[in-house]
PDB file of N, CA and C in Angstrom:
ATOM      1  N   MET A   1      10.354  -3.770 -17.721  1.00  0.00           N
ATOM      2  CA  MET A   1      11.122  -3.521 -18.916  1.00  0.00           C
ATOM      3  C   MET A   1      11.204  -2.032 -19.225  1.00  0.00           C
ATOM      4  N   THR A   2      10.099  -1.329 -19.038  1.00  0.00           N
ATOM      5  CA  THR A   2      10.118   0.093 -19.378  1.00  0.00           C
ATOM      6  C   THR A   2      11.002   0.891 -18.433  1.00  0.00           C
ATOM      7  N   VAL A   3      11.072   0.481 -17.181  1.00  0.00           N
ATOM      8  CA  VAL A   3      11.963   1.168 -16.242  1.00  0.00           C
ATOM      9  C   VAL A   3      13.409   0.935 -16.646  1.00  0.00           C
ATOM     10  N   SER A   4      13.747  -0.281 -17.031  1.00  0.00           N
ATOM     11  CA  SER A   4      15.124  -0.568 -17.405  1.00  0.00           C
ATOM     12  C   SER A   4      15.494   0.046 -18.749  1.00  0.00           C
ATOM     13  N   LEU A   5      14.532   0.258 -19.645  1.00  0.00           N
ATOM     14  CA  LEU A   5      14.822   0.900 -20.928  1.00  0.00           C
ATOM     15  C   LEU A   5      15.188   2.365 -20.759  1.00  0.00           C
ATOM     16  N   THR A   6      14.584   3.029 -19.798  1.00  0.00           N
ATOM     17  CA  THR A   6      14.826   4.452 -19.612  1.00  0.00           C
ATOM     18  C   THR A   6      15.890   4.751 -18.568  1.00  0.00           C
ATOM     19  N   SER A   7      16.390   3.728 -17.913  1.00  0.00           N
ATOM     20  CA  SER A   7      17.365   3.947 -16.837  1.00  0.00           C
ATOM     21  C   SER A   7      18.790   3.814 -17.363  1.00  0.00           C
ATOM     22  N   SER A   8      19.669   4.585 -16.758  1.00  0.00           N
ATOM     23  CA  SER A   8      21.081   4.475 -17.107  1.00  0.00           C
ATOM     24  C   SER A   8      21.831   3.598 -16.105  1.00  0.00           C
ATOM     25  N   LYS A   9      21.129   3.101 -15.098  1.00  0.00           N
ATOM     26  CA  LYS A   9      21.759   2.275 -14.070  1.00  0.00           C
ATOM     27  C   LYS A   9      21.709   0.799 -14.452  1.00  0.00           C
ATOM     28  N   ASP A  10      22.110  -0.050 -13.538  1.00  0.00           N
ATOM     29  CA  ASP A  10      22.180  -1.487 -13.754  1.00  0.00           C
ATOM     30  C   ASP A  10      20.780  -2.063 -13.992  1.00  0.00           C
ATOM     31  N   LYS A  11      20.510  -2.525 -15.192  1.00  0.00           N
ATOM     32  CA  LYS A  11      19.182  -2.993 -15.580  1.00  0.00           C
ATOM     33  C   LYS A  11      18.771  -4.277 -14.852  1.00  0.00           C
ATOM     34  N   GLU A  12      19.719  -5.155 -14.579  1.00  0.00           N
ATOM     35  CA  GLU A  12      19.399  -6.397 -13.877  1.00  0.00           C
ATOM     36  C   GLU A  12      18.964  -6.118 -12.437  1.00  0.00           C
ATOM     37  N   THR A  13      19.606  -5.139 -11.817  1.00  0.00           N
ATOM     38  CA  THR A  13      19.239  -4.773 -10.444  1.00  0.00           C
ATOM     39  C   THR A  13      17.831  -4.192 -10.399  1.00  0.00           C
ATOM     40  N   ILE A  14      17.498  -3.367 -11.380  1.00  0.00           N
ATOM     41  CA  ILE A  14      16.162  -2.774 -11.427  1.00  0.00           C
ATOM     42  C   ILE A  14      15.113  -3.866 -11.596  1.00  0.00           C
ATOM     43  N   PHE A  15      15.335  -4.787 -12.537  1.00  0.00           N
ATOM     44  CA  PHE A  15      14.386  -5.880 -12.750  1.00  0.00           C
ATOM     45  C   PHE A  15      14.254  -6.735 -11.495  1.00  0.00           C
ATOM     46  N   GLY A  16      15.365  -7.080 -10.888  1.00  0.00           N
ATOM     47  CA  GLY A  16      15.336  -7.904  -9.681  1.00  0.00           C
ATOM     48  C   GLY A  16      14.603  -7.231  -8.533  1.00  0.00           C
ATOM     49  N   THR A  17      14.787  -5.925  -8.404  1.00  0.00           N
ATOM     50  CA  THR A  17      14.105  -5.183  -7.338  1.00  0.00           C
ATOM     51  C   THR A  17      12.595  -5.187  -7.550  1.00  0.00           C
ATOM     52  N   ILE A  18      12.165  -4.925  -8.772  1.00  0.00           N
ATOM     53  CA  ILE A  18      10.722  -4.922  -9.064  1.00  0.00           C
ATOM     54  C   ILE A  18      10.141  -6.317  -8.876  1.00  0.00           C
ATOM     55  N   PHE A  19      10.851  -7.339  -9.339  1.00  0.00           N
ATOM     56  CA  PHE A  19      10.411  -8.720  -9.171  1.00  0.00           C
ATOM     57  C   PHE A  19      10.259  -9.057  -7.685  1.00  0.00           C
ATOM     58  N   PHE A  20      11.232  -8.649  -6.888  1.00  0.00           N
ATOM     59  CA  PHE A  20      11.198  -8.892  -5.448  1.00  0.00           C
ATOM     60  C   PHE A  20      10.020  -8.165  -4.793  1.00  0.00           C
ATOM     61  N   ILE A  21       9.772  -6.921  -5.189  1.00  0.00           N
ATOM     62  CA  ILE A  21       8.665  -6.146  -4.614  1.00  0.00           C
ATOM     63  C   ILE A  21       7.327  -6.812  -4.902  1.00  0.00           C
ATOM     64  N   ILE A  22       7.156  -7.325  -6.124  1.00  0.00           N
ATOM     65  CA  ILE A  22       5.898  -8.006  -6.469  1.00  0.00           C
ATOM     66  C   ILE A  22       5.713  -9.254  -5.611  1.00  0.00           C
ATOM     67  N   TRP A  23       6.762 -10.045  -5.440  1.00  0.00           N
ATOM     68  CA  TRP A  23       6.636 -11.262  -4.639  1.00  0.00           C
ATOM     69  C   TRP A  23       6.411 -10.959  -3.159  1.00  0.00           C
ATOM     70  N   VAL A  24       7.083  -9.944  -2.634  1.00  0.00           N
ATOM     71  CA  VAL A  24       6.851  -9.563  -1.235  1.00  0.00           C
ATOM     72  C   VAL A  24       5.426  -9.036  -1.082  1.00  0.00           C
ATOM     73  N   GLY A  25       4.957  -8.268  -2.053  1.00  0.00           N
ATOM     74  CA  GLY A  25       3.565  -7.794  -2.013  1.00  0.00           C
ATOM     75  C   GLY A  25       2.585  -8.948  -2.018  1.00  0.00           C
ATOM     76  N   GLY A  26       2.849  -9.959  -2.825  1.00  0.00           N
ATOM     77  CA  GLY A  26       1.994 -11.146  -2.840  1.00  0.00           C
ATOM     78  C   GLY A  26       2.010 -11.864  -1.508  1.00  0.00           C
ATOM     79  N   PHE A  27       3.184 -11.924  -0.893  1.00  0.00           N
ATOM     80  CA  PHE A  27       3.303 -12.567   0.411  1.00  0.00           C
ATOM     81  C   PHE A  27       2.510 -11.803   1.472  1.00  0.00           C
ATOM     82  N   VAL A  28       2.607 -10.474   1.460  1.00  0.00           N
ATOM     83  CA  VAL A  28       1.887  -9.647   2.442  1.00  0.00           C
ATOM     84  C   VAL A  28       0.378  -9.771   2.241  1.00  0.00           C
ATOM     85  N   VAL A  29      -0.072  -9.741   0.996  1.00  0.00           N
ATOM     86  CA  VAL A  29      -1.507  -9.888   0.719  1.00  0.00           C
ATOM     87  C   VAL A  29      -1.984 -11.269   1.170  1.00  0.00           C
ATOM     88  N   THR A  30      -1.175 -12.287   0.923  1.00  0.00           N
ATOM     89  CA  THR A  30      -1.542 -13.644   1.352  1.00  0.00           C
ATOM     90  C   THR A  30      -1.636 -13.737   2.868  1.00  0.00           C
ATOM     91  N   LEU A  31      -0.685 -13.157   3.567  1.00  0.00           N
ATOM     92  CA  LEU A  31      -0.750 -13.175   5.032  1.00  0.00           C
ATOM     93  C   LEU A  31      -1.988 -12.457   5.550  1.00  0.00           C
ATOM     94  N   ASN A  32      -2.299 -11.304   4.968  1.00  0.00           N
ATOM     95  CA  ASN A  32      -3.502 -10.584   5.394  1.00  0.00           C
ATOM     96  C   ASN A  32      -4.752 -11.414   5.156  1.00  0.00           C
ATOM     97  N   ALA A  33      -4.828 -12.052   3.999  1.00  0.00           N
ATOM     98  CA  ALA A  33      -5.997 -12.889   3.708  1.00  0.00           C
ATOM     99  C   ALA A  33      -6.076 -14.073   4.657  1.00  0.00           C
ATOM    100  N   LYS A  34      -4.941 -14.681   4.964  1.00  0.00           N
ATOM    101  CA  LYS A  34      -4.936 -15.818   5.893  1.00  0.00           C
ATOM    102  C   LYS A  34      -5.366 -15.389   7.290  1.00  0.00           C
ATOM    103  N   PHE A  35      -4.890 -14.223   7.746  1.00  0.00           N
ATOM    104  CA  PHE A  35      -5.275 -13.734   9.067  1.00  0.00           C
ATOM    105  C   PHE A  35      -6.763 -13.408   9.141  1.00  0.00           C
ATOM    106  N   LEU A  36      -7.346 -13.047   8.005  1.00  0.00           N
ATOM    107  CA  LEU A  36      -8.777 -12.742   7.973  1.00  0.00           C
ATOM    108  C   LEU A  36      -9.637 -13.975   7.706  1.00  0.00           C
ATOM    109  N   GLY A  37      -9.009 -15.142   7.634  1.00  0.00           N
ATOM    110  CA  GLY A  37      -9.762 -16.386   7.482  1.00  0.00           C
ATOM    111  C   GLY A  37      -9.949 -16.825   6.045  1.00  0.00           C
ATOM    112  N   GLY A  38      -9.286 -16.201   5.093  1.00  0.00           N
ATOM    113  CA  GLY A  38      -9.423 -16.575   3.691  1.00  0.00           C
ATOM    114  C   GLY A  38      -8.587 -17.790   3.343  1.00  0.00           C
ATOM    115  N   LYS A  39      -8.930 -18.388   2.220  1.00  0.00           N
ATOM    116  CA  LYS A  39      -8.188 -19.559   1.742  1.00  0.00           C
ATOM    117  C   LYS A  39      -7.570 -19.193   0.401  1.00  0.00           C
ATOM    118  N   VAL A  40      -6.403 -18.583   0.471  1.00  0.00           N
ATOM    119  CA  VAL A  40      -5.711 -18.131  -0.727  1.00  0.00           C
ATOM    120  C   VAL A  40      -4.238 -18.516  -0.606  1.00  0.00           C
ATOM    121  N   SER A  41      -3.634 -18.872  -1.737  1.00  0.00           N
ATOM    122  CA  SER A  41      -2.214 -19.244  -1.722  1.00  0.00           C
ATOM    123  C   SER A  41      -1.375 -18.060  -2.202  1.00  0.00           C
ATOM    124  N   ILE A  42      -0.082 -18.158  -2.012  1.00  0.00           N
ATOM    125  CA  ILE A  42       0.835 -17.109  -2.448  1.00  0.00           C
ATOM    126  C   ILE A  42       0.781 -16.948  -3.965  1.00  0.00           C
ATOM    127  N   PHE A  43       0.606 -18.049  -4.682  1.00  0.00           N
ATOM    128  CA  PHE A  43       0.561 -17.981  -6.133  1.00  0.00           C
ATOM    129  C   PHE A  43      -0.708 -17.280  -6.632  1.00  0.00           C
ATOM    130  N   GLN A  44      -1.812 -17.471  -5.939  1.00  0.00           N
ATOM    131  CA  GLN A  44      -3.036 -16.756  -6.293  1.00  0.00           C
ATOM    132  C   GLN A  44      -2.874 -15.258  -6.048  1.00  0.00           C
ATOM    133  N   SER A  45      -2.208 -14.887  -4.973  1.00  0.00           N
ATOM    134  CA  SER A  45      -1.979 -13.470  -4.685  1.00  0.00           C
ATOM    135  C   SER A  45      -1.088 -12.824  -5.725  1.00  0.00           C
ATOM    136  N   VAL A  46      -0.027 -13.515  -6.128  1.00  0.00           N
ATOM    137  CA  VAL A  46       0.869 -12.972  -7.146  1.00  0.00           C
ATOM    138  C   VAL A  46       0.134 -12.842  -8.474  1.00  0.00           C
ATOM    139  N   CYS A  47      -0.734 -13.790  -8.776  1.00  0.00           N
ATOM    140  CA  CYS A  47      -1.527 -13.726 -10.003  1.00  0.00           C
ATOM    141  C   CYS A  47      -2.449 -12.509  -9.992  1.00  0.00           C
ATOM    142  N   VAL A  48      -3.106 -12.267  -8.872  1.00  0.00           N
ATOM    143  CA  VAL A  48      -3.980 -11.100  -8.756  1.00  0.00           C
ATOM    144  C   VAL A  48      -3.169  -9.807  -8.860  1.00  0.00           C
ATOM    145  N   LEU A  49      -2.004  -9.774  -8.235  1.00  0.00           N
ATOM    146  CA  LEU A  49      -1.146  -8.597  -8.347  1.00  0.00           C
ATOM    147  C   LEU A  49      -0.714  -8.371  -9.791  1.00  0.00           C
ATOM    148  N   GLY A  50      -0.504  -9.442 -10.532  1.00  0.00           N
ATOM    149  CA  GLY A  50      -0.172  -9.311 -11.952  1.00  0.00           C
ATOM    150  C   GLY A  50      -1.288  -8.648 -12.730  1.00  0.00           C
ATOM    151  N   TYR A  51      -2.532  -9.021 -12.440  1.00  0.00           N
ATOM    152  CA  TYR A  51      -3.672  -8.378 -13.089  1.00  0.00           C
ATOM    153  C   TYR A  51      -3.753  -6.902 -12.709  1.00  0.00           C
ATOM    154  N   CYS A  52      -3.370  -6.569 -11.497  1.00  0.00           N
ATOM    155  CA  CYS A  52      -3.431  -5.178 -11.046  1.00  0.00           C
ATOM    156  C   CYS A  52      -2.301  -4.336 -11.626  1.00  0.00           C
ATOM    157  N   VAL A  53      -1.159  -4.941 -11.909  1.00  0.00           N
ATOM    158  CA  VAL A  53      -0.008  -4.207 -12.432  1.00  0.00           C
ATOM    159  C   VAL A  53      -0.065  -4.094 -13.961  1.00  0.00           C
ATOM    160  N   PHE A  54      -0.810  -4.971 -14.610  1.00  0.00           N
ATOM    161  CA  PHE A  54      -0.866  -4.995 -16.071  1.00  0.00           C
ATOM    162  C   PHE A  54      -1.257  -3.654 -16.688  1.00  0.00           C
ATOM    163  N   PRO A  55      -2.311  -2.972 -16.232  1.00  0.00           N
ATOM    164  CA  PRO A  55      -2.651  -1.677 -16.843  1.00  0.00           C
ATOM    165  C   PRO A  55      -1.544  -0.632 -16.709  1.00  0.00           C
ATOM    166  N   ILE A  56      -0.845  -0.651 -15.591  1.00  0.00           N
ATOM    167  CA  ILE A  56       0.252   0.304 -15.410  1.00  0.00           C
ATOM    168  C   ILE A  56       1.376  -0.007 -16.391  1.00  0.00           C
ATOM    169  N   ASN A  57       1.620  -1.289 -16.654  1.00  0.00           N
ATOM    170  CA  ASN A  57       2.634  -1.659 -17.642  1.00  0.00           C
ATOM    171  C   ASN A  57       2.249  -1.207 -19.043  1.00  0.00           C
ATOM    172  N   ILE A  58       1.000  -1.390 -19.414  1.00  0.00           N
ATOM    173  CA  ILE A  58       0.529  -0.946 -20.737  1.00  0.00           C
ATOM    174  C   ILE A  58       0.696   0.556 -20.873  1.00  0.00           C
ATOM    175  N   VAL A  59       0.312   1.308 -19.856  1.00  0.00           N
ATOM    176  CA  VAL A  59       0.435   2.766 -19.887  1.00  0.00           C
ATOM    177  C   VAL A  59       1.897   3.181 -19.979  1.00  0.00           C
ATOM    178  N   SER A  60       2.771   2.504 -19.262  1.00  0.00           N
ATOM    179  CA  SER A  60       4.179   2.882 -19.315  1.00  0.00           C
ATOM    180  C   SER A  60       4.778   2.618 -20.691  1.00  0.00           C
ATOM    181  N   ILE A  61       4.377   1.542 -21.346  1.00  0.00           N
ATOM    182  CA  ILE A  61       4.854   1.274 -22.700  1.00  0.00           C
ATOM    183  C   ILE A  61       4.334   2.332 -23.670  1.00  0.00           C
ATOM    184  N   LEU A  62       3.045   2.674 -23.543  1.00  0.00           N
ATOM    185  CA  LEU A  62       2.478   3.708 -24.414  1.00  0.00           C
ATOM    186  C   LEU A  62       3.190   5.046 -24.252  1.00  0.00           C
ATOM    187  N   THR A  63       3.369   5.459 -23.021  1.00  0.00           N
ATOM    188  CA  THR A  63       4.001   6.763 -22.802  1.00  0.00           C
ATOM    189  C   THR A  63       5.482   6.754 -23.164  1.00  0.00           C
ATOM    190  N   LEU A  64       6.131   5.604 -23.055  1.00  0.00           N
ATOM    191  CA  LEU A  64       7.545   5.515 -23.424  1.00  0.00           C
ATOM    192  C   LEU A  64       7.734   5.728 -24.927  1.00  0.00           C
ATOM    193  N   PHE A  65       6.928   5.047 -25.723  1.00  0.00           N
ATOM    194  CA  PHE A  65       7.112   5.114 -27.162  1.00  0.00           C
ATOM    195  C   PHE A  65       6.420   6.309 -27.813  1.00  0.00           C
ATOM    196  N   LEU A  66       5.428   6.881 -27.144  1.00  0.00           N
ATOM    197  CA  LEU A  66       4.696   8.009 -27.727  1.00  0.00           C
ATOM    198  C   LEU A  66       5.005   9.330 -27.029  1.00  0.00           C
ATOM    199  N   LYS A  67       6.100   9.360 -26.271  1.00  0.00           N
ATOM    200  CA  LYS A  67       6.449  10.546 -25.488  1.00  0.00           C
ATOM    201  C   LYS A  67       6.614  11.792 -26.364  1.00  0.00           C
ATOM    202  N   SER A  68       7.244  11.646 -27.507  1.00  0.00           N
ATOM    203  CA  SER A  68       7.506  12.809 -28.357  1.00  0.00           C
ATOM    204  C   SER A  68       6.280  13.206 -29.172  1.00  0.00           C
ATOM    205  N   ILE A  69       5.304  12.333 -29.309  1.00  0.00           N
ATOM    206  CA  ILE A  69       4.127  12.609 -30.134  1.00  0.00           C
ATOM    207  C   ILE A  69       2.977  13.189 -29.308  1.00  0.00           C
ATOM    208  N   ILE A  70       2.763  12.628 -28.119  1.00  0.00           N
ATOM    209  CA  ILE A  70       1.612  12.999 -27.294  1.00  0.00           C
ATOM    210  C   ILE A  70       1.999  14.128 -26.345  1.00  0.00           C
ATOM    211  N   PRO A  71       1.151  15.168 -26.259  1.00  0.00           N
ATOM    212  CA  PRO A  71       1.433  16.250 -25.306  1.00  0.00           C
ATOM    213  C   PRO A  71       1.372  15.761 -23.854  1.00  0.00           C
ATOM    214  N   PHE A  72       1.966  16.542 -22.967  1.00  0.00           N
ATOM    215  CA  PHE A  72       2.077  16.175 -21.562  1.00  0.00           C
ATOM    216  C   PHE A  72       0.710  15.935 -20.916  1.00  0.00           C
ATOM    217  N   LEU A  73      -0.244  16.805 -21.153  1.00  0.00           N
ATOM    218  CA  LEU A  73      -1.557  16.665 -20.506  1.00  0.00           C
ATOM    219  C   LEU A  73      -2.288  15.413 -20.974  1.00  0.00           C
ATOM    220  N   VAL A  74      -2.091  15.012 -22.217  1.00  0.00           N
ATOM    221  CA  VAL A  74      -2.710  13.774 -22.703  1.00  0.00           C
ATOM    222  C   VAL A  74      -2.058  12.572 -22.019  1.00  0.00           C
ATOM    223  N   ARG A  75      -0.745  12.634 -21.817  1.00  0.00           N
ATOM    224  CA  ARG A  75      -0.064  11.554 -21.088  1.00  0.00           C
ATOM    225  C   ARG A  75      -0.550  11.473 -19.651  1.00  0.00           C
ATOM    226  N   VAL A  76      -0.782  12.612 -19.022  1.00  0.00           N
ATOM    227  CA  VAL A  76      -1.314  12.618 -17.655  1.00  0.00           C
ATOM    228  C   VAL A  76      -2.685  11.957 -17.635  1.00  0.00           C
ATOM    229  N   LEU A  77      -3.512  12.244 -18.628  1.00  0.00           N
ATOM    230  CA  LEU A  77      -4.839  11.629 -18.713  1.00  0.00           C
ATOM    231  C   LEU A  77      -4.719  10.116 -18.902  1.00  0.00           C
ATOM    232  N   ILE A  78      -3.810   9.677 -19.763  1.00  0.00           N
ATOM    233  CA  ILE A  78      -3.610   8.247 -19.996  1.00  0.00           C
ATOM    234  C   ILE A  78      -3.125   7.546 -18.730  1.00  0.00           C
ATOM    235  N   VAL A  79      -2.193   8.171 -18.030  1.00  0.00           N
ATOM    236  CA  VAL A  79      -1.683   7.586 -16.783  1.00  0.00           C
ATOM    237  C   VAL A  79      -2.789   7.527 -15.730  1.00  0.00           C
ATOM    238  N   THR A  80      -3.613   8.548 -15.651  1.00  0.00           N
ATOM    239  CA  THR A  80      -4.728   8.564 -14.700  1.00  0.00           C
ATOM    240  C   THR A  80      -5.713   7.442 -15.011  1.00  0.00           C
ATOM    241  N   LEU A  81      -6.022   7.250 -16.292  1.00  0.00           N
ATOM    242  CA  LEU A  81      -6.932   6.162 -16.675  1.00  0.00           C
ATOM    243  C   LEU A  81      -6.322   4.795 -16.356  1.00  0.00           C
ATOM    244  N   GLY A  82      -5.022   4.633 -16.588  1.00  0.00           N
ATOM    245  CA  GLY A  82      -4.356   3.384 -16.241  1.00  0.00           C
ATOM    246  C   GLY A  82      -4.356   3.135 -14.739  1.00  0.00           C
ATOM    247  N   PHE A  83      -4.159   4.188 -13.970  1.00  0.00           N
ATOM    248  CA  PHE A  83      -4.206   4.060 -12.514  1.00  0.00           C
ATOM    249  C   PHE A  83      -5.603   3.657 -12.048  1.00  0.00           C
ATOM    250  N   MET A  84      -6.627   4.268 -12.645  1.00  0.00           N
ATOM    251  CA  MET A  84      -7.991   3.921 -12.274  1.00  0.00           C
ATOM    252  C   MET A  84      -8.321   2.469 -12.667  1.00  0.00           C
ATOM    253  N   TRP A  85      -7.835   2.042 -13.829  1.00  0.00           N
ATOM    254  CA  TRP A  85      -8.028   0.654 -14.269  1.00  0.00           C
ATOM    255  C   TRP A  85      -7.348  -0.308 -13.291  1.00  0.00           C
ATOM    256  N   SER A  86      -6.135   0.003 -12.871  1.00  0.00           N
ATOM    257  CA  SER A  86      -5.418  -0.839 -11.913  1.00  0.00           C
ATOM    258  C   SER A  86      -6.127  -0.884 -10.575  1.00  0.00           C
ATOM    259  N   THR A  87      -6.630   0.252 -10.138  1.00  0.00           N
ATOM    260  CA  THR A  87      -7.358   0.303  -8.872  1.00  0.00           C
ATOM    261  C   THR A  87      -8.625  -0.534  -8.945  1.00  0.00           C
ATOM    262  N   LYS A  88      -9.349  -0.432 -10.045  1.00  0.00           N
ATOM    263  CA  LYS A  88     -10.571  -1.238 -10.215  1.00  0.00           C
ATOM    264  C   LYS A  88     -10.241  -2.722 -10.263  1.00  0.00           C
ATOM    265  N   ALA A  89      -9.136  -3.084 -10.915  1.00  0.00           N
ATOM    266  CA  ALA A  89      -8.739  -4.487 -10.987  1.00  0.00           C
ATOM    267  C   ALA A  89      -8.389  -5.044  -9.621  1.00  0.00           C
ATOM    268  N   SER A  90      -7.889  -4.186  -8.730  1.00  0.00           N
ATOM    269  CA  SER A  90      -7.489  -4.667  -7.406  1.00  0.00           C
ATOM    270  C   SER A  90      -8.661  -4.822  -6.458  1.00  0.00           C
ATOM    271  N   VAL A  91      -9.782  -4.221  -6.790  1.00  0.00           N
ATOM    272  CA  VAL A  91     -10.964  -4.328  -5.933  1.00  0.00           C
ATOM    273  C   VAL A  91     -11.746  -5.526  -6.350  1.00  0.00           C
TER     274      VAL A  91
END
């Protein structure tokens, strides 16, 4: 949503592309887990990817609405913390 709010291009295409990337990522993670002998479904992988993307979404909403209030370096710190949260969630 935040990408489509700030974009001047076709919003449906942007949403569809991001949706497709998440599902393909879930498929790739599922294949890797299956090749390594794990028992995971595509839906479990997409769910885990959702948990990993959630902090980045929260950070993007914060920076979108607070862009004029928060200085640039504080936004960089917030984005870094969101990235670290997402990385920890993926491990």
